[in-house]
Amino acid sequence: MTRAAKDDRRRLASHVFARGLALFLGVFSLANASAQLRGLPNTGDIWWIDLGVLPAWLAGVFGLLAAALLLAWGITPAGSRQRLRATAVYAFVLAFVALVNALGFYRAWLSASIAPGLGVPASLIYAGGLAWIGREALRPVPAGDQAGPRVSRRTRATFAVALALAMLFPVLQIAFFGTTDYRRPADAAVVLGAKVHANGVLSTSLSDRVNTAVDLYDSGLVRTLIMSGGVGESGLDEAAAMRDRAVALGVPETAIRLDSEGVNTDATVANTTAILRETGARRVLVVSQFYHLPRIKLAYRAAGWDVQTVPAVESLPIPQTPPYVLREIPAFWTYWVRSVLGA
């Protein structure tokens, strides 16, 4: 293959990837912006770009315009010079906002407001991707993109990239958001249940969650622990077993509330928010495994609660972690769809 042919292939790959990214971000931001304009709790700013410096309505309008331009370019990269320039401008503006968000991440880290699992924020990845889109929107469309069978092949490749990014996106949130510890002074900490063995011994996952919550209590960050779980296959009440473990570790029983009907994430959110309202709690921490936390954040945000998440400190590696992470991909999108629909 000649050098020119290799350059053409790289140019085409760059173009197709940028279009696939624009297609994915266009659909994602379009749904988020429309939900925001309908007055639903905003979940989009958690996951990629925070336009919180703008009034909610203006952020929604800006998001809709940016989404429409990204979506249009992802589907049809050839267009008027004005549309392509507008697409590039909006992409570069969003990239700048993502860089500002990244600076906010580092300020929070330096002030010890957060303890990230990774040393870089996802915002830097978004900034790079958006700048890439802006650059490609200003460049000529690669030869052959508007004629012949290459159109369908290239379009299929673009949609394949968008689909692959949709599968990768929840994993990205788990890696960056899920591993970040947002512990801070709060009124209560909610601890989600997991398996309790038939002999009453807590599984490693559940033990780590309870131990982390007890550390929050011992550190004086919270004054109440809410243990939420159901009755598992062992026939034992997870919430009661969690309470017993916390008491054994020195937490007064009077500082613990139980939700014994927290059979899943939805039930936990519904039951614990009722307890939080009853106790007058406003600032809330939620403890679970890192891969579970993005979905938990979505569920509480949809219920009107902006909780802070704390990943359970692992005492031992959990072999089932990879399949649990894969399970969270469809779960994340299920909860996200429900949030933008207001369901």
Foldseek 3Di string as FASTA:
>chain_A
DDPVVVVLVVLLVLLLLLLLVLQLLLVVLLLQLVLLCVVFQRPVCVQEFDPVVDPSNVVSVLSNVLSVLSNVCSQPLDDDPVSLQVNLVSLQVRLVRLVVVFVVVVVCVVVVQKDWPDPGACSNVSSVSSNSSSVSSNDDDRPPCVDDPVVVVSSVSSNVSNVVVLLCRLVNCLNTVLRMFRQAAWAEEEEEFDDADLVLHHDQQNVLRLVVRLVCVVVVRYQAYEYEEEQDPSRDQRSVSSLVVSVVVPRDSVRYHYHHPPHDLLSSLVVVVVVCVVVVTQAYEYEGASLCPLLSCLNNSSVVHRYGYGYRDGPDDDVCVVVSNSVVSVVNVVSVVCSSVSD
